[in-house]
Amino acid sequence: MAILKVIEILANSEKSWEDATKKAVKHASKSVKNIRSVYVEDQSAVVKDGEVVDFRVNVKITFEVN
């Protein structure tokens, strides 16, 4: 039986929500091992002068606890 834990992470990117999600996973993987999945819970963006300048995601990362 596997024991899984979920952590919540906020991340951002100037490119896209997908890039922000990848950054969240990459950063989490520096200290968390055995990442199994990522769930994008919420997305938002910052608009400046009529242009999207920052994409933000709130993700839940699931990993196995040994």
N, C-alpha and C. Protein backbone atom coordinates (compact mmCIF):
# COMPACT_ATOMS: atom_id res chain seq x y z
N MET A 1 0.84 -1.18 0.00
CA MET A 1 0.00 0.00 0.00
C MET A 1 0.89 1.24 0.00
N ALA A 2 0.58 2.17 -0.86
CA ALA A 2 1.34 3.43 -0.95
C ALA A 2 0.65 4.50 -0.12
N ILE A 3 1.47 5.30 0.54
CA ILE A 3 0.97 6.46 1.27
C ILE A 3 1.33 7.69 0.46
N LEU A 4 0.31 8.49 0.15
CA LEU A 4 0.51 9.68 -0.68
C LEU A 4 0.25 10.93 0.14
N LYS A 5 0.97 11.98 -0.19
CA LYS A 5 0.78 13.27 0.46
C LYS A 5 0.57 14.33 -0.61
N VAL A 6 -0.20 15.36 -0.27
CA VAL A 6 -0.49 16.45 -1.23
C VAL A 6 -0.01 17.76 -0.63
N ILE A 7 0.72 18.53 -1.45
CA ILE A 7 1.12 19.87 -1.05
C ILE A 7 0.56 20.87 -2.07
N GLU A 8 0.37 22.07 -1.63
CA GLU A 8 -0.16 23.12 -2.51
C GLU A 8 0.94 24.13 -2.80
N ILE A 9 1.08 24.49 -4.07
CA ILE A 9 2.12 25.41 -4.49
C ILE A 9 1.54 26.48 -5.42
N LEU A 10 2.00 27.69 -5.26
CA LEU A 10 1.65 28.78 -6.16
C LEU A 10 2.87 29.06 -7.04
N ALA A 11 2.65 29.23 -8.33
CA ALA A 11 3.75 29.51 -9.26
C ALA A 11 3.29 30.49 -10.32
N ASN A 12 4.26 31.13 -10.97
CA ASN A 12 3.91 32.08 -12.02
C ASN A 12 4.89 31.99 -13.18
N SER A 13 4.47 32.54 -14.32
CA SER A 13 5.29 32.56 -15.52
C SER A 13 4.85 33.73 -16.39
N GLU A 14 5.80 34.27 -17.13
CA GLU A 14 5.46 35.32 -18.08
C GLU A 14 4.98 34.73 -19.40
N LYS A 15 5.15 33.40 -19.59
CA LYS A 15 4.82 32.75 -20.86
C LYS A 15 3.40 32.20 -20.92
N SER A 16 3.06 31.30 -19.95
CA SER A 16 1.77 30.60 -20.02
C SER A 16 1.46 29.91 -18.70
N TRP A 17 0.20 29.45 -18.57
CA TRP A 17 -0.18 28.66 -17.41
C TRP A 17 0.55 27.32 -17.42
N GLU A 18 0.75 26.76 -18.59
CA GLU A 18 1.48 25.49 -18.71
C GLU A 18 2.91 25.65 -18.20
N ASP A 19 3.55 26.72 -18.58
CA ASP A 19 4.92 26.97 -18.13
C ASP A 19 4.96 27.18 -16.62
N ALA A 20 3.98 27.87 -16.07
CA ALA A 20 3.91 28.08 -14.62
C ALA A 20 3.75 26.74 -13.90
N THR A 21 2.95 25.84 -14.47
CA THR A 21 2.76 24.51 -13.89
C THR A 21 4.07 23.72 -13.91
N LYS A 22 4.77 23.78 -15.03
CA LYS A 22 6.05 23.08 -15.14
C LYS A 22 7.06 23.63 -14.15
N LYS A 23 7.06 24.94 -13.95
CA LYS A 23 7.97 25.55 -12.98
C LYS A 23 7.65 25.08 -11.56
N ALA A 24 6.37 24.97 -11.24
CA ALA A 24 5.96 24.50 -9.91
C ALA A 24 6.48 23.10 -9.65
N VAL A 25 6.32 22.21 -10.62
CA VAL A 25 6.77 20.82 -10.47
C VAL A 25 8.30 20.77 -10.38
N LYS A 26 8.96 21.52 -11.23
CA LYS A 26 10.42 21.52 -11.22
C LYS A 26 10.97 22.01 -9.88
N HIS A 27 10.39 23.08 -9.37
CA HIS A 27 10.84 23.62 -8.09
C HIS A 27 10.55 22.64 -6.95
N ALA A 28 9.35 22.06 -6.94
CA ALA A 28 8.99 21.11 -5.89
C ALA A 28 9.89 19.88 -5.91
N SER A 29 10.29 19.45 -7.11
CA SER A 29 11.10 18.23 -7.23
C SER A 29 12.52 18.40 -6.67
N LYS A 30 12.91 19.63 -6.37
CA LYS A 30 14.22 19.86 -5.75
C LYS A 30 14.24 19.35 -4.31
N SER A 31 13.09 19.38 -3.63
CA SER A 31 13.04 18.93 -2.25
C SER A 31 12.06 17.78 -2.00
N VAL A 32 11.18 17.51 -2.97
CA VAL A 32 10.19 16.45 -2.82
C VAL A 32 10.49 15.36 -3.85
N LYS A 33 10.59 14.15 -3.39
CA LYS A 33 10.85 13.01 -4.29
C LYS A 33 9.56 12.24 -4.55
N ASN A 34 9.58 11.41 -5.56
CA ASN A 34 8.46 10.51 -5.89
C ASN A 34 7.17 11.25 -6.22
N ILE A 35 7.27 12.36 -6.96
CA ILE A 35 6.08 13.09 -7.38
C ILE A 35 5.29 12.22 -8.35
N ARG A 36 4.01 12.07 -8.08
CA ARG A 36 3.14 11.22 -8.90
C ARG A 36 2.26 12.01 -9.86
N SER A 37 1.77 13.17 -9.40
CA SER A 37 0.85 13.93 -10.26
C SER A 37 0.79 15.38 -9.82
N VAL A 38 0.24 16.19 -10.73
CA VAL A 38 -0.01 17.60 -10.42
C VAL A 38 -1.43 17.92 -10.88
N TYR A 39 -2.16 18.63 -10.03
CA TYR A 39 -3.53 19.03 -10.33
C TYR A 39 -3.59 20.55 -10.29
N VAL A 40 -3.98 21.15 -11.41
CA VAL A 40 -4.11 22.61 -11.47
C VAL A 40 -5.46 22.97 -10.88
N GLU A 41 -5.42 23.57 -9.71
CA GLU A 41 -6.65 23.91 -8.99
C GLU A 41 -7.23 25.25 -9.44
N ASP A 42 -6.35 26.21 -9.73
CA ASP A 42 -6.82 27.54 -10.08
C ASP A 42 -5.82 28.22 -11.00
N GLN A 43 -6.33 29.06 -11.88
CA GLN A 43 -5.50 29.83 -12.79
C GLN A 43 -5.93 31.28 -12.73
N SER A 44 -4.95 32.18 -12.83
CA SER A 44 -5.27 33.60 -12.90
C SER A 44 -4.17 34.30 -13.69
N ALA A 45 -4.41 35.54 -14.01
CA ALA A 45 -3.42 36.29 -14.78
C ALA A 45 -3.43 37.75 -14.34
N VAL A 46 -2.29 38.38 -14.50
CA VAL A 46 -2.15 39.80 -14.20
C VAL A 46 -2.16 40.55 -15.54
N VAL A 47 -2.98 41.57 -15.62
CA VAL A 47 -3.11 42.36 -16.85
C VAL A 47 -2.55 43.76 -16.59
N LYS A 48 -1.73 44.21 -17.53
CA LYS A 48 -1.17 45.57 -17.44
C LYS A 48 -1.27 46.21 -18.83
N ASP A 49 -1.87 47.36 -18.89
CA ASP A 49 -2.04 48.09 -20.15
C ASP A 49 -2.71 47.24 -21.22
N GLY A 50 -3.71 46.47 -20.82
CA GLY A 50 -4.47 45.66 -21.77
C GLY A 50 -3.77 44.38 -22.22
N GLU A 51 -2.65 44.03 -21.61
CA GLU A 51 -1.91 42.82 -21.99
C GLU A 51 -1.70 41.94 -20.77
N VAL A 52 -1.77 40.63 -20.97
CA VAL A 52 -1.46 39.69 -19.90
C VAL A 52 0.06 39.69 -19.71
N VAL A 53 0.50 39.99 -18.50
CA VAL A 53 1.93 40.08 -18.24
C VAL A 53 2.43 38.97 -17.31
N ASP A 54 1.52 38.26 -16.64
CA ASP A 54 1.93 37.21 -15.72
C ASP A 54 0.82 36.18 -15.57
N PHE A 55 1.16 34.93 -15.78
CA PHE A 55 0.24 33.82 -15.63
C PHE A 55 0.50 33.16 -14.28
N ARG A 56 -0.54 32.89 -13.50
CA ARG A 56 -0.38 32.31 -12.18
C ARG A 56 -1.22 31.03 -12.05
N VAL A 57 -0.65 30.05 -11.38
CA VAL A 57 -1.37 28.81 -11.11
C VAL A 57 -1.26 28.45 -9.63
N ASN A 58 -2.30 27.82 -9.16
CA ASN A 58 -2.32 27.23 -7.83
C ASN A 58 -2.45 25.73 -8.08
N VAL A 59 -1.40 24.96 -7.76
CA VAL A 59 -1.40 23.53 -8.07
C VAL A 59 -1.31 22.70 -6.81
N LYS A 60 -1.81 21.47 -6.90
CA LYS A 60 -1.65 20.49 -5.85
C LYS A 60 -0.76 19.38 -6.40
N ILE A 61 0.32 19.13 -5.70
CA ILE A 61 1.28 18.11 -6.14
C ILE A 61 1.17 16.92 -5.20
N THR A 62 1.00 15.74 -5.80
CA THR A 62 0.87 14.51 -5.03
C THR A 62 2.15 13.71 -5.15
N PHE A 63 2.65 13.23 -4.00
CA PHE A 63 3.87 12.43 -4.02
C PHE A 63 3.76 11.28 -3.02
N GLU A 64 4.54 10.25 -3.27
CA GLU A 64 4.53 9.07 -2.41
C GLU A 64 5.50 9.25 -1.26
N VAL A 65 5.04 8.92 -0.08
CA VAL A 65 5.85 8.99 1.12
C VAL A 65 6.43 7.60 1.37
N ASN A 66 7.73 7.51 1.54
CA ASN A 66 8.36 6.20 1.80
C ASN A 66 8.33 5.84 3.26
